[in-house]
């Protein structure tokens, strides 16, 4: 993923996602604590989930940004023509 999209996601997208469905590491850790797995494995699972959240969040944000720019551009083109 482009570093520009990562920067934009960190600046804008993550805040919006946290308002809608917050990534709650404490909740994940509590669920992992109820499972019978070693502490080091729990940390690896928690790190993996955090990594996927950031990767998928950035990808979804980039797709939405591109779509929004494309639709906005098409709308502006139609207004100029008419």
PDB file of N, CA and C in Angstrom:
ATOM      1  N   UNK A   1       0.849  -1.172   0.000  1.00  0.00           N
ATOM      2  CA  UNK A   1       0.000   0.000   0.000  1.00  0.00           C
ATOM      3  C   UNK A   1       0.896   1.237   0.000  1.00  0.00           C
ATOM      4  N   UNK A   2       0.488   2.231  -0.737  1.00  0.00           N
ATOM      5  CA  UNK A   2       1.240   3.470  -0.859  1.00  0.00           C
ATOM      6  C   UNK A   2       1.360   4.180   0.486  1.00  0.00           C
ATOM      7  N   UNK A   3       2.512   4.770   0.725  1.00  0.00           N
ATOM      8  CA  UNK A   3       2.709   5.477   1.992  1.00  0.00           C
ATOM      9  C   UNK A   3       1.795   6.696   2.092  1.00  0.00           C
ATOM     10  N   UNK A   4       1.388   7.273   0.959  1.00  0.00           N
ATOM     11  CA  UNK A   4       0.448   8.397   0.982  1.00  0.00           C
ATOM     12  C   UNK A   4      -0.887   7.936   1.546  1.00  0.00           C
ATOM     13  N   UNK A   5      -1.368   6.780   1.098  1.00  0.00           N
ATOM     14  CA  UNK A   5      -2.633   6.258   1.611  1.00  0.00           C
ATOM     15  C   UNK A   5      -2.513   5.888   3.085  1.00  0.00           C
ATOM     16  N   UNK A   6      -1.353   5.348   3.477  1.00  0.00           N
ATOM     17  CA  UNK A   6      -1.149   5.022   4.889  1.00  0.00           C
ATOM     18  C   UNK A   6      -1.191   6.279   5.741  1.00  0.00           C
ATOM     19  N   UNK A   7      -0.553   7.343   5.266  1.00  0.00           N
ATOM     20  CA  UNK A   7      -0.560   8.612   5.994  1.00  0.00           C
ATOM     21  C   UNK A   7      -1.975   9.176   6.082  1.00  0.00           C
ATOM     22  N   UNK A   8      -2.704   9.145   4.977  1.00  0.00           N
ATOM     23  CA  UNK A   8      -4.087   9.632   4.986  1.00  0.00           C
ATOM     24  C   UNK A   8      -4.964   8.788   5.904  1.00  0.00           C
ATOM     25  N   UNK A   9      -4.776   7.471   5.876  1.00  0.00           N
ATOM     26  CA  UNK A   9      -5.557   6.608   6.761  1.00  0.00           C
ATOM     27  C   UNK A   9      -5.248   6.917   8.219  1.00  0.00           C
ATOM     28  N   UNK A  10      -3.958   7.036   8.536  1.00  0.00           N
ATOM     29  CA  UNK A  10      -3.580   7.336   9.919  1.00  0.00           C
ATOM     30  C   UNK A  10      -4.138   8.683  10.364  1.00  0.00           C
ATOM     31  N   UNK A  11      -4.198   9.642   9.438  1.00  0.00           N
ATOM     32  CA  UNK A  11      -4.664  10.986   9.770  1.00  0.00           C
ATOM     33  C   UNK A  11      -6.180  11.072   9.848  1.00  0.00           C
ATOM     34  N   UNK A  12      -6.889  10.442   8.900  1.00  0.00           N
ATOM     35  CA  UNK A  12      -8.344  10.597   8.809  1.00  0.00           C
ATOM     36  C   UNK A  12      -9.114   9.292   9.004  1.00  0.00           C
ATOM     37  N   UNK A  13      -8.714   8.262   8.291  1.00  0.00           N
ATOM     38  CA  UNK A  13      -9.490   7.023   8.248  1.00  0.00           C
ATOM     39  C   UNK A  13      -9.577   6.292   9.571  1.00  0.00           C
ATOM     40  N   UNK A  14      -8.464   6.181  10.271  1.00  0.00           N
ATOM     41  CA  UNK A  14      -8.471   5.441  11.533  1.00  0.00           C
ATOM     42  C   UNK A  14      -9.397   6.103  12.541  1.00  0.00           C
ATOM     43  N   UNK A  15      -9.391   7.433  12.573  1.00  0.00           N
ATOM     44  CA  UNK A  15     -10.280   8.158  13.497  1.00  0.00           C
ATOM     45  C   UNK A  15     -11.745   7.839  13.200  1.00  0.00           C
ATOM     46  N   UNK A  16     -12.104   7.828  11.926  1.00  0.00           N
ATOM     47  CA  UNK A  16     -13.487   7.520  11.545  1.00  0.00           C
ATOM     48  C   UNK A  16     -13.850   6.084  11.898  1.00  0.00           C
ATOM     49  N   UNK A  17     -12.932   5.160  11.664  1.00  0.00           N
ATOM     50  CA  UNK A  17     -13.207   3.762  11.993  1.00  0.00           C
ATOM     51  C   UNK A  17     -13.350   3.570  13.495  1.00  0.00           C
ATOM     52  N   UNK A  18     -12.542   4.268  14.273  1.00  0.00           N
ATOM     53  CA  UNK A  18     -12.630   4.149  15.727  1.00  0.00           C
ATOM     54  C   UNK A  18     -13.966   4.671  16.247  1.00  0.00           C
ATOM     55  N   UNK A  19     -14.551   5.657  15.555  1.00  0.00           N
ATOM     56  CA  UNK A  19     -15.875   6.151  15.945  1.00  0.00           C
ATOM     57  C   UNK A  19     -16.952   5.107  15.664  1.00  0.00           C
ATOM     58  N   UNK A  20     -16.824   4.396  14.551  1.00  0.00           N
ATOM     59  CA  UNK A  20     -17.848   3.435  14.139  1.00  0.00           C
ATOM     60  C   UNK A  20     -17.703   2.102  14.872  1.00  0.00           C
ATOM     61  N   UNK A  21     -16.558   1.484  14.728  1.00  0.00           N
ATOM     62  CA  UNK A  21     -16.292   0.175  15.338  1.00  0.00           C
ATOM     63  C   UNK A  21     -14.863   0.211  15.867  1.00  0.00           C
ATOM     64  N   UNK A  22     -14.697   0.598  17.119  1.00  0.00           N
ATOM     65  CA  UNK A  22     -13.334   0.751  17.636  1.00  0.00           C
ATOM     66  C   UNK A  22     -12.582  -0.574  17.725  1.00  0.00           C
ATOM     67  N   UNK A  23     -11.306  -0.510  17.415  1.00  0.00           N
ATOM     68  CA  UNK A  23     -10.415  -1.656  17.611  1.00  0.00           C
ATOM     69  C   UNK A  23     -10.051  -1.660  19.086  1.00  0.00           C
ATOM     70  N   UNK A  24     -10.555  -2.624  19.803  1.00  0.00           N
ATOM     71  CA  UNK A  24     -10.387  -2.673  21.256  1.00  0.00           C
ATOM     72  C   UNK A  24      -9.423  -3.792  21.621  1.00  0.00           C
ATOM     73  N   UNK A  25      -8.168  -3.425  21.783  1.00  0.00           N
ATOM     74  CA  UNK A  25      -7.149  -4.433  22.079  1.00  0.00           C
ATOM     75  C   UNK A  25      -7.399  -5.102  23.427  1.00  0.00           C
ATOM     76  N   UNK A  26      -7.941  -4.366  24.380  1.00  0.00           N
ATOM     77  CA  UNK A  26      -8.237  -4.953  25.698  1.00  0.00           C
ATOM     78  C   UNK A  26      -9.300  -6.043  25.579  1.00  0.00           C
ATOM     79  N   UNK A  27     -10.295  -5.818  24.726  1.00  0.00           N
ATOM     80  CA  UNK A  27     -11.344  -6.821  24.510  1.00  0.00           C
ATOM     81  C   UNK A  27     -10.765  -8.074  23.855  1.00  0.00           C
ATOM     82  N   UNK A  28      -9.889  -7.862  22.893  1.00  0.00           N
ATOM     83  CA  UNK A  28      -9.245  -8.994  22.226  1.00  0.00           C
ATOM     84  C   UNK A  28      -8.375  -9.761  23.219  1.00  0.00           C
ATOM     85  N   UNK A  29      -7.625  -9.028  24.025  1.00  0.00           N
ATOM     86  CA  UNK A  29      -6.761  -9.679  25.014  1.00  0.00           C
ATOM     87  C   UNK A  29      -7.586 -10.455  26.037  1.00  0.00           C
ATOM     88  N   UNK A  30      -8.729  -9.909  26.445  1.00  0.00           N
ATOM     89  CA  UNK A  30      -9.602 -10.615  27.393  1.00  0.00           C
ATOM     90  C   UNK A  30     -10.116 -11.920  26.786  1.00  0.00           C
ATOM     91  N   UNK A  31     -10.474 -11.882  25.498  1.00  0.00           N
ATOM     92  CA  UNK A  31     -10.937 -13.101  24.826  1.00  0.00           C
ATOM     93  C   UNK A  31      -9.809 -14.122  24.730  1.00  0.00           C
ATOM     94  N   UNK A  32      -8.612 -13.649  24.438  1.00  0.00           N
ATOM     95  CA  UNK A  32      -7.467 -14.560  24.345  1.00  0.00           C
ATOM     96  C   UNK A  32      -7.110 -15.145  25.708  1.00  0.00           C
ATOM     97  N   UNK A  33      -7.301 -14.362  26.769  1.00  0.00           N
ATOM     98  CA  UNK A  33      -7.009 -14.856  28.124  1.00  0.00           C
ATOM     99  C   UNK A  33      -7.908 -16.028  28.503  1.00  0.00           C
ATOM    100  N   UNK A  34      -9.121 -16.059  27.951  1.00  0.00           N
ATOM    101  CA  UNK A  34     -10.049 -17.150  28.257  1.00  0.00           C
ATOM    102  C   UNK A  34      -9.671 -18.445  27.533  1.00  0.00           C
ATOM    103  N   UNK A  35      -8.800 -18.337  26.554  1.00  0.00           N
ATOM    104  CA  UNK A  35      -8.366 -19.522  25.812  1.00  0.00           C
ATOM    105  C   UNK A  35      -7.118 -20.106  26.469  1.00  0.00           C
ATOM    106  N   UNK A  36      -6.973 -21.375  26.301  1.00  0.00           N
ATOM    107  CA  UNK A  36      -5.795 -22.021  26.896  1.00  0.00           C
ATOM    108  C   UNK A  36      -4.657 -22.026  25.882  1.00  0.00           C
ATOM    109  N   UNK A  37      -3.977 -20.886  25.805  1.00  0.00           N
ATOM    110  CA  UNK A  37      -2.806 -20.803  24.941  1.00  0.00           C
ATOM    111  C   UNK A  37      -1.726 -20.021  25.686  1.00  0.00           C
ATOM    112  N   UNK A  38      -0.486 -20.306  25.372  1.00  0.00           N
ATOM    113  CA  UNK A  38       0.616 -19.623  26.052  1.00  0.00           C
ATOM    114  C   UNK A  38       0.578 -18.104  25.812  1.00  0.00           C
ATOM    115  N   UNK A  39       1.138 -17.365  26.746  1.00  0.00           N
ATOM    116  CA  UNK A  39       1.144 -15.903  26.680  1.00  0.00           C
ATOM    117  C   UNK A  39       1.818 -15.394  25.413  1.00  0.00           C
ATOM    118  N   UNK A  40       2.937 -16.005  25.009  1.00  0.00           N
ATOM    119  CA  UNK A  40       3.628 -15.539  23.808  1.00  0.00           C
ATOM    120  C   UNK A  40       2.775 -15.736  22.560  1.00  0.00           C
ATOM    121  N   UNK A  41       1.982 -16.792  22.532  1.00  0.00           N
ATOM    122  CA  UNK A  41       1.087 -17.022  21.405  1.00  0.00           C
ATOM    123  C   UNK A  41      -0.057 -15.999  21.417  1.00  0.00           C
ATOM    124  N   UNK A  42      -0.552 -15.652  22.589  1.00  0.00           N
ATOM    125  CA  UNK A  42      -1.589 -14.627  22.703  1.00  0.00           C
ATOM    126  C   UNK A  42      -1.088 -13.295  22.145  1.00  0.00           C
ATOM    127  N   UNK A  43       0.144 -12.961  22.459  1.00  0.00           N
ATOM    128  CA  UNK A  43       0.732 -11.714  21.963  1.00  0.00           C
ATOM    129  C   UNK A  43       0.848 -11.752  20.447  1.00  0.00           C
ATOM    130  N   UNK A  44       1.251 -12.899  19.897  1.00  0.00           N
ATOM    131  CA  UNK A  44       1.363 -13.031  18.443  1.00  0.00           C
ATOM    132  C   UNK A  44       0.004 -12.870  17.770  1.00  0.00           C
ATOM    133  N   UNK A  45      -1.035 -13.469  18.339  1.00  0.00           N
ATOM    134  CA  UNK A  45      -2.387 -13.356  17.773  1.00  0.00           C
ATOM    135  C   UNK A  45      -2.861 -11.907  17.840  1.00  0.00           C
ATOM    136  N   UNK A  46      -2.636 -11.263  18.966  1.00  0.00           N
ATOM    137  CA  UNK A  46      -3.041  -9.865  19.131  1.00  0.00           C
ATOM    138  C   UNK A  46      -2.300  -8.978  18.122  1.00  0.00           C
ATOM    139  N   UNK A  47      -1.002  -9.201  17.949  1.00  0.00           N
ATOM    140  CA  UNK A  47      -0.216  -8.444  16.973  1.00  0.00           C
ATOM    141  C   UNK A  47      -0.709  -8.688  15.551  1.00  0.00           C
ATOM    142  N   UNK A  48      -1.049  -9.937  15.243  1.00  0.00           N
ATOM    143  CA  UNK A  48      -1.558 -10.277  13.917  1.00  0.00           C
ATOM    144  C   UNK A  48      -2.874  -9.555  13.634  1.00  0.00           C
ATOM    145  N   UNK A  49      -3.785  -9.568  14.600  1.00  0.00           N
ATOM    146  CA  UNK A  49      -5.068  -8.886  14.418  1.00  0.00           C
ATOM    147  C   UNK A  49      -4.880  -7.381  14.240  1.00  0.00           C
ATOM    148  N   UNK A  50      -3.986  -6.800  15.005  1.00  0.00           N
ATOM    149  CA  UNK A  50      -3.706  -5.373  14.887  1.00  0.00           C
ATOM    150  C   UNK A  50      -3.122  -5.047  13.515  1.00  0.00           C
ATOM    151  N   UNK A  51      -2.205  -5.883  13.061  1.00  0.00           N
ATOM    152  CA  UNK A  51      -1.591  -5.693  11.750  1.00  0.00           C
ATOM    153  C   UNK A  51      -2.628  -5.782  10.636  1.00  0.00           C
ATOM    154  N   UNK A  52      -3.518  -6.766  10.728  1.00  0.00           N
ATOM    155  CA  UNK A  52      -4.560  -6.926   9.708  1.00  0.00           C
ATOM    156  C   UNK A  52      -5.539  -5.760   9.727  1.00  0.00           C
ATOM    157  N   UNK A  53      -5.881  -5.277  10.908  1.00  0.00           N
ATOM    158  CA  UNK A  53      -6.769  -4.118  11.024  1.00  0.00           C
ATOM    159  C   UNK A  53      -6.171  -2.924  10.280  1.00  0.00           C
ATOM    160  N   UNK A  54      -4.884  -2.668  10.515  1.00  0.00           N
ATOM    161  CA  UNK A  54      -4.242  -1.527   9.865  1.00  0.00           C
ATOM    162  C   UNK A  54      -4.119  -1.741   8.361  1.00  0.00           C
ATOM    163  N   UNK A  55      -3.762  -2.954   7.944  1.00  0.00           N
ATOM    164  CA  UNK A  55      -3.605  -3.229   6.513  1.00  0.00           C
ATOM    165  C   UNK A  55      -4.944  -3.147   5.786  1.00  0.00           C
ATOM    166  N   UNK A  56      -5.967  -3.814   6.319  1.00  0.00           N
ATOM    167  CA  UNK A  56      -7.274  -3.816   5.661  1.00  0.00           C
ATOM    168  C   UNK A  56      -7.938  -2.450   5.762  1.00  0.00           C
ATOM    169  N   UNK A  57      -7.750  -1.786   6.878  1.00  0.00           N
ATOM    170  CA  UNK A  57      -8.319  -0.448   7.030  1.00  0.00           C
ATOM    171  C   UNK A  57      -7.729   0.520   6.022  1.00  0.00           C
ATOM    172  N   UNK A  58      -6.409   0.453   5.849  1.00  0.00           N
ATOM    173  CA  UNK A  58      -5.750   1.319   4.874  1.00  0.00           C
ATOM    174  C   UNK A  58      -6.205   0.986   3.462  1.00  0.00           C
ATOM    175  N   UNK A  59      -6.316  -0.298   3.144  1.00  0.00           N
ATOM    176  CA  UNK A  59      -6.759  -0.709   1.806  1.00  0.00           C
ATOM    177  C   UNK A  59      -8.191  -0.251   1.538  1.00  0.00           C
ATOM    178  N   UNK A  60      -9.079  -0.431   2.504  1.00  0.00           N
ATOM    179  CA  UNK A  60     -10.471  -0.002   2.330  1.00  0.00           C
ATOM    180  C   UNK A  60     -10.549   1.510   2.185  1.00  0.00           C
ATOM    181  N   UNK A  61      -9.761   2.225   2.959  1.00  0.00           N
ATOM    182  CA  UNK A  61      -9.742   3.679   2.872  1.00  0.00           C
ATOM    183  C   UNK A  61      -9.248   4.126   1.496  1.00  0.00           C
ATOM    184  N   UNK A  62      -8.190   3.486   0.985  1.00  0.00           N
ATOM    185  CA  UNK A  62      -7.644   3.843  -0.323  1.00  0.00           C
ATOM    186  C   UNK A  62      -8.661   3.583  -1.430  1.00  0.00           C
ATOM    187  N   UNK A  63      -9.369   2.466  -1.352  1.00  0.00           N
ATOM    188  CA  UNK A  63     -10.400   2.159  -2.351  1.00  0.00           C
ATOM    189  C   UNK A  63     -11.511   3.195  -2.293  1.00  0.00           C
ATOM    190  N   UNK A  64     -11.962   3.521  -1.091  1.00  0.00           N
ATOM    191  CA  UNK A  64     -13.014   4.523  -0.934  1.00  0.00           C
ATOM    192  C   UNK A  64     -12.571   5.892  -1.412  1.00  0.00           C
ATOM    193  N   UNK A  65     -11.327   6.244  -1.136  1.00  0.00           N
ATOM    194  CA  UNK A  65     -10.800   7.531  -1.578  1.00  0.00           C
ATOM    195  C   UNK A  65     -10.761   7.601  -3.097  1.00  0.00           C
ATOM    196  N   UNK A  66     -10.248   6.557  -3.724  1.00  0.00           N
ATOM    197  CA  UNK A  66     -10.195   6.532  -5.195  1.00  0.00           C
ATOM    198  C   UNK A  66     -11.594   6.588  -5.799  1.00  0.00           C
ATOM    199  N   UNK A  67     -12.519   5.829  -5.233  1.00  0.00           N
ATOM    200  CA  UNK A  67     -13.892   5.831  -5.730  1.00  0.00           C
ATOM    201  C   UNK A  67     -14.511   7.214  -5.575  1.00  0.00           C
ATOM    202  N   UNK A  68     -14.326   7.819  -4.420  1.00  0.00           N
ATOM    203  CA  UNK A  68     -14.864   9.156  -4.185  1.00  0.00           C
ATOM    204  C   UNK A  68     -14.289  10.181  -5.144  1.00  0.00           C
ATOM    205  N   UNK A  69     -12.990  10.114  -5.392  1.00  0.00           N
ATOM    206  CA  UNK A  69     -12.371  11.051  -6.327  1.00  0.00           C
ATOM    207  C   UNK A  69     -12.873  10.828  -7.748  1.00  0.00           C
ATOM    208  N   UNK A  70     -13.039   9.572  -8.131  1.00  0.00           N
ATOM    209  CA  UNK A  70     -13.544   9.262  -9.471  1.00  0.00           C
ATOM    210  C   UNK A  70     -14.971   9.766  -9.642  1.00  0.00           C
ATOM    211  N   UNK A  71     -15.820   9.478  -8.678  1.00  0.00           N
ATOM    212  CA  UNK A  71     -17.211   9.926  -8.766  1.00  0.00           C
ATOM    213  C   UNK A  71     -17.306  11.441  -8.714  1.00  0.00           C
ATOM    214  N   UNK A  72     -16.490  12.063  -7.892  1.00  0.00           N
ATOM    215  CA  UNK A  72     -16.480  13.523  -7.818  1.00  0.00           C
ATOM    216  C   UNK A  72     -16.017  14.142  -9.122  1.00  0.00           C
ATOM    217  N   UNK A  73     -15.038  13.524  -9.751  1.00  0.00           N
ATOM    218  CA  UNK A  73     -14.530  14.010 -11.029  1.00  0.00           C
ATOM    219  C   UNK A  73     -15.587  13.887 -12.118  1.00  0.00           C
ATOM    220  N   UNK A  74     -16.290  12.759 -12.147  1.00  0.00           N
ATOM    221  CA  UNK A  74     -17.341  12.562 -13.148  1.00  0.00           C
ATOM    222  C   UNK A  74     -18.477  13.550 -12.936  1.00  0.00           C
ATOM    223  N   UNK A  75     -18.810  13.821 -11.697  1.00  0.00           N
ATOM    224  CA  UNK A  75     -19.874  14.773 -11.389  1.00  0.00           C
ATOM    225  C   UNK A  75     -19.472  16.171 -11.838  1.00  0.00           C
ATOM    226  N   UNK A  76     -18.226  16.548 -11.616  1.00  0.00           N
ATOM    227  CA  UNK A  76     -17.741  17.863 -12.028  1.00  0.00           C
ATOM    228  C   UNK A  76     -17.726  17.969 -13.547  1.00  0.00           C
ATOM    229  N   UNK A  77     -17.353  16.887 -14.247  1.00  0.00           N
ATOM    230  CA  UNK A  77     -17.346  16.894 -15.711  1.00  0.00           C
ATOM    231  C   UNK A  77     -18.751  17.107 -16.253  1.00  0.00           C
ATOM    232  N   UNK A  78     -19.743  16.484 -15.650  1.00  0.00           N
ATOM    233  CA  UNK A  78     -21.125  16.639 -16.108  1.00  0.00           C
ATOM    234  C   UNK A  78     -21.617  18.065 -15.900  1.00  0.00           C
ATOM    235  N   UNK A  79     -21.227  18.697 -14.828  1.00  0.00           N
ATOM    236  CA  UNK A  79     -21.671  20.057 -14.555  1.00  0.00           C
ATOM    237  C   UNK A  79     -21.074  21.035 -15.550  1.00  0.00           C
ATOM    238  N   UNK A  80     -19.858  20.779 -15.992  1.00  0.00           N
ATOM    239  CA  UNK A  80     -19.214  21.662 -16.963  1.00  0.00           C
ATOM    240  C   UNK A  80     -19.884  21.529 -18.321  1.00  0.00           C
ATOM    241  N   UNK A  81     -20.246  20.308 -18.708  1.00  0.00           N
ATOM    242  CA  UNK A  81     -20.837  20.046 -20.018  1.00  0.00           C
ATOM    243  C   UNK A  81     -22.230  20.648 -20.116  1.00  0.00           C
ATOM    244  N   UNK A  82     -23.018  20.555 -19.055  1.00  0.00           N
ATOM    245  CA  UNK A  82     -24.408  21.013 -19.130  1.00  0.00           C
ATOM    246  C   UNK A  82     -24.552  22.495 -19.019  1.00  0.00           C
TER     247      UNK A  82
END
